[in-house]
Amino acid sequence: MIVDFLRKNRSFFLPYLVALIVLGALQWLYTQEQLMQWVNSRNSLIADNLFPYVTYMGDGAFFVVICVILLIYNKRVGFVAFASFALSSLVSLFLKTVVFPNSPRPLKFFEHSTYEYHLIKGLDIYSYNSFPSGHTTSAFAVFGLLAFLDARKKRGYFFVLLGFLTGYSRVYLFQHFVEDVYVGSIVGTLSSVFIYLFLYRWMKNDKALKQASGEEVA
């Protein structure tokens, strides 16, 4: 079942795997400070106005809205979405508050740096609980799940793109390091993979869902 699942969703997993390898290599070659400076120096007025909204795709409220929409469409699918939201959120919260409770965010880490970082005026930037990125975790959990549920599997790359745009926004907004986003994407993706596979048979046994997808109903 796992092999079939990976094969069907290769349009999501292949670009995601390539991105993980590239980002992993960059983190091996460069420090988090160097990567932060690279992203931070490539700022623009358009990006300053755009990314504060893009980052909302990783907000818990956005995930809940998606869950409610799916719940209206089909109760079992909605339940799976809420389960993914719960698992990804709990794992992220546990890592943030229990395992890495004092991990400094860029604002705190670079408070004595002589490098002049670009900050968006009026943006509320936090100082602690940096690792991992909760927004990136939620984004990859929700977009990963949507990719798995989507009958048109070729759109998987689009969901990966949305996830990484959200993650990039967290670095651009000076809220997280690249490593926070990197691990957050893994936590979110694995959470949805686990929930989807664990509840797959129960979800697919719903007669209304079978009828909607054109499957035979006993």
Protein backbone atom coordinates (compact mmCIF):
# COMPACT_ATOMS: atom_id res chain seq x y z
CA MET A 1 0.00 0.00 0.00
CA ILE A 2 2.81 2.42 0.86
CA VAL A 3 4.58 1.83 -2.46
CA ASP A 4 1.33 2.36 -4.36
CA PHE A 5 0.65 5.52 -2.34
CA LEU A 6 4.10 6.94 -3.15
CA ARG A 7 3.73 6.04 -6.82
CA LYS A 8 0.33 7.68 -7.14
CA ASN A 9 1.56 10.83 -5.43
CA ARG A 10 4.95 11.05 -7.12
CA SER A 11 4.11 14.52 -8.49
CA PHE A 12 4.16 15.67 -4.88
CA PHE A 13 6.96 13.55 -3.44
CA LEU A 14 9.52 13.85 -6.26
CA PRO A 15 9.77 17.66 -6.29
CA TYR A 16 9.58 17.66 -2.50
CA LEU A 17 12.47 15.17 -2.28
CA VAL A 18 14.55 17.21 -4.73
CA ALA A 19 13.90 20.34 -2.66
CA LEU A 20 14.90 18.54 0.54
CA ILE A 21 18.16 17.37 -1.02
CA VAL A 22 19.01 20.83 -2.37
CA LEU A 23 18.15 22.60 0.90
CA GLY A 24 19.99 19.94 2.87
CA ALA A 25 23.10 20.46 0.75
CA LEU A 26 22.89 24.24 1.17
CA GLN A 27 22.68 23.86 4.94
CA TRP A 28 25.71 21.58 4.88
CA LEU A 29 27.72 24.07 2.78
CA TYR A 30 26.59 27.29 4.44
CA THR A 31 25.73 28.40 7.96
CA GLN A 32 22.20 29.40 8.99
CA GLU A 33 23.47 32.97 9.27
CA GLN A 34 24.75 32.96 5.68
CA LEU A 35 21.48 31.52 4.39
CA MET A 36 19.49 34.08 6.36
CA GLN A 37 21.57 36.92 4.95
CA TRP A 38 21.12 35.57 1.41
CA VAL A 39 17.33 35.56 1.74
CA ASN A 40 17.19 38.81 3.70
CA SER A 41 19.30 40.74 1.18
CA ARG A 42 16.91 39.82 -1.64
CA ASN A 43 14.09 41.99 -0.47
CA SER A 44 11.73 44.24 -2.38
CA LEU A 45 8.68 46.39 -1.79
CA ILE A 46 6.50 43.84 -3.60
CA ALA A 47 7.78 40.98 -1.45
CA ASP A 48 7.37 43.08 1.70
CA ASN A 49 3.70 43.54 0.86
CA LEU A 50 3.13 39.99 -0.43
CA PHE A 51 4.75 37.64 2.07
CA PRO A 52 2.88 38.85 5.17
CA TYR A 53 -0.22 37.47 3.42
CA VAL A 54 1.41 34.38 1.91
CA THR A 55 2.50 33.31 5.39
CA TYR A 56 -1.16 32.99 6.44
CA MET A 57 -1.33 29.77 4.41
CA GLY A 58 0.54 28.24 7.33
CA ASP A 59 -1.70 29.71 9.99
CA GLY A 60 -3.75 27.30 12.09
CA ALA A 61 -6.93 29.23 11.26
CA PHE A 62 -6.36 28.62 7.54
CA PHE A 63 -5.95 24.89 8.18
CA VAL A 64 -9.18 24.82 10.22
CA VAL A 65 -11.07 26.57 7.40
CA ILE A 66 -9.85 23.91 4.96
CA CYS A 67 -10.90 21.22 7.43
CA VAL A 68 -14.41 22.69 7.70
CA ILE A 69 -14.76 22.90 3.91
CA LEU A 70 -13.71 19.26 3.60
CA LEU A 71 -16.07 18.34 6.42
CA ILE A 72 -18.97 19.89 4.49
CA TYR A 73 -17.90 17.98 1.39
CA ASN A 74 -17.59 14.68 3.25
CA LYS A 75 -17.60 13.98 6.98
CA ARG A 76 -14.92 11.30 6.86
CA VAL A 77 -12.58 13.39 4.72
CA GLY A 78 -13.13 16.29 7.08
CA PHE A 79 -12.31 14.09 10.06
CA VAL A 80 -9.07 12.99 8.38
CA ALA A 81 -8.17 16.64 7.81
CA PHE A 82 -8.84 17.54 11.45
CA ALA A 83 -6.77 14.53 12.55
CA SER A 84 -3.86 15.73 10.40
CA PHE A 85 -4.21 19.22 11.85
CA ALA A 86 -4.21 17.86 15.40
CA LEU A 87 -1.20 15.57 14.93
CA SER A 88 0.97 18.09 13.08
CA SER A 89 0.11 20.85 15.56
CA LEU A 90 0.78 18.71 18.62
CA VAL A 91 4.13 17.44 17.32
CA SER A 92 5.22 20.97 16.39
CA LEU A 93 4.09 22.33 19.75
CA PHE A 94 5.89 19.54 21.62
CA LEU A 95 9.13 20.23 19.79
CA LYS A 96 8.82 23.98 20.29
CA THR A 97 7.89 24.05 23.96
CA VAL A 98 9.36 20.85 25.41
CA VAL A 99 12.32 19.71 23.33
CA PHE A 100 13.59 23.12 22.13
CA PRO A 101 11.87 25.63 24.45
CA ASN A 102 14.54 28.32 24.32
CA SER A 103 15.54 28.17 20.66
CA PRO A 104 16.08 31.80 19.62
CA ARG A 105 14.49 33.23 16.53
CA PRO A 106 16.55 35.38 14.13
CA LEU A 107 15.55 38.64 15.85
CA LYS A 108 16.99 37.42 19.16
CA PHE A 109 19.91 35.50 17.68
CA PHE A 110 21.16 38.48 15.66
CA GLU A 111 20.35 41.23 18.18
CA HIS A 112 24.05 42.08 18.57
CA SER A 113 25.00 41.50 14.94
CA THR A 114 26.76 44.27 13.02
CA TYR A 115 25.02 43.14 9.82
CA GLU A 116 22.09 45.39 8.95
CA TYR A 117 19.11 43.10 8.37
CA HIS A 118 16.03 44.20 6.49
CA LEU A 119 12.91 44.15 8.67
CA ILE A 120 9.36 45.01 7.61
CA LYS A 121 8.06 47.95 9.59
CA GLY A 122 5.08 47.21 11.80
CA LEU A 123 5.53 43.44 11.60
CA ASP A 124 5.31 41.60 14.93
CA ILE A 125 8.46 39.47 15.07
CA TYR A 126 8.92 36.90 17.83
CA SER A 127 12.10 36.10 19.75
CA TYR A 128 11.83 32.47 20.94
CA ASN A 129 10.33 29.04 20.08
CA SER A 130 11.94 29.06 16.67
CA PHE A 131 12.45 25.34 16.05
CA PRO A 132 10.63 24.04 14.09
CA SER A 133 8.50 26.47 12.10
CA GLY A 134 4.86 25.92 13.07
CA HIS A 135 3.54 27.74 10.01
CA THR A 136 5.62 25.57 7.69
CA THR A 137 4.48 22.46 9.55
CA SER A 138 0.82 23.39 9.08
CA ALA A 139 1.34 24.39 5.45
CA PHE A 140 2.92 21.09 4.45
CA ALA A 141 0.38 19.13 6.49
CA VAL A 142 -2.58 20.78 4.78
CA PHE A 143 -1.14 20.97 1.26
CA GLY A 144 0.25 17.47 1.50
CA LEU A 145 -3.14 16.14 2.52
CA LEU A 146 -4.88 18.06 -0.27
CA ALA A 147 -2.42 16.56 -2.75
CA PHE A 148 -3.15 13.05 -1.47
CA LEU A 149 -6.91 13.64 -1.67
CA ASP A 150 -6.82 15.27 -5.10
CA ALA A 151 -7.93 12.91 -7.87
CA ARG A 152 -5.78 14.85 -10.35
CA LYS A 153 -2.41 13.71 -9.08
CA LYS A 154 -0.40 15.80 -11.54
CA ARG A 155 -1.22 18.86 -9.45
CA GLY A 156 0.98 17.55 -6.64
CA TYR A 157 3.87 19.85 -7.60
CA PHE A 158 1.53 22.84 -7.17
CA PHE A 159 0.82 21.89 -3.55
CA VAL A 160 4.57 21.47 -2.91
CA LEU A 161 5.12 24.95 -4.32
CA LEU A 162 2.50 26.44 -1.99
CA GLY A 163 4.18 24.73 0.97
CA PHE A 164 7.62 26.06 0.11
CA LEU A 165 6.28 29.55 -0.58
CA THR A 166 4.88 29.53 2.94
CA GLY A 167 8.18 28.29 4.33
CA TYR A 168 10.16 30.89 2.39
CA SER A 169 7.88 33.60 3.73
CA ARG A 170 8.83 32.64 7.28
CA VAL A 171 12.52 33.18 6.53
CA TYR A 172 11.86 36.33 4.52
CA LEU A 173 9.79 37.81 7.35
CA PHE A 174 12.69 37.13 9.75
CA GLN A 175 10.56 34.77 11.82
CA HIS A 176 12.58 31.57 11.28
CA PHE A 177 15.85 30.09 10.09
CA VAL A 178 16.05 27.78 7.09
CA GLU A 179 16.54 24.78 9.38
CA ASP A 180 13.26 25.61 11.17
CA VAL A 181 11.41 25.60 7.87
CA TYR A 182 13.21 22.49 6.65
CA VAL A 183 12.25 20.39 9.69
CA GLY A 184 8.78 21.92 9.83
CA SER A 185 8.08 20.74 6.29
CA ILE A 186 9.12 17.20 7.23
CA VAL A 187 6.96 17.15 10.37
CA GLY A 188 3.94 18.44 8.47
CA THR A 189 4.34 16.08 5.53
CA LEU A 190 4.92 12.99 7.68
CA SER A 191 1.92 13.87 9.85
CA SER A 192 -0.42 13.91 6.85
CA VAL A 193 1.16 10.80 5.36
CA PHE A 194 0.64 8.89 8.62
CA ILE A 195 -2.95 10.07 9.12
CA TYR A 196 -3.90 9.47 5.49
CA LEU A 197 -2.52 5.93 5.41
CA PHE A 198 -3.86 5.08 8.88
CA LEU A 199 -7.41 6.20 8.05
CA TYR A 200 -7.40 5.45 4.33
CA ARG A 201 -9.55 2.30 4.40
CA TRP A 202 -12.05 3.83 6.82
CA MET A 203 -12.29 6.97 4.69
CA LYS A 204 -12.65 5.10 1.39
CA ASN A 205 -15.40 2.86 2.79
CA ASP A 206 -17.75 5.85 2.86
CA LYS A 207 -20.46 5.21 0.24
CA ALA A 208 -20.96 8.88 -0.60
CA LEU A 209 -17.23 9.28 -1.26
CA LYS A 210 -17.21 6.20 -3.48
CA GLN A 211 -20.14 7.53 -5.50
CA ALA A 212 -18.46 10.91 -5.88
CA SER A 213 -15.27 9.28 -7.17
CA GLY A 214 -17.14 6.91 -9.50
CA GLU A 215 -16.28 3.74 -7.58
CA GLU A 216 -18.72 0.82 -7.31
CA VAL A 217 -20.81 0.79 -4.14
CA ALA A 218 -21.73 -2.56 -2.68
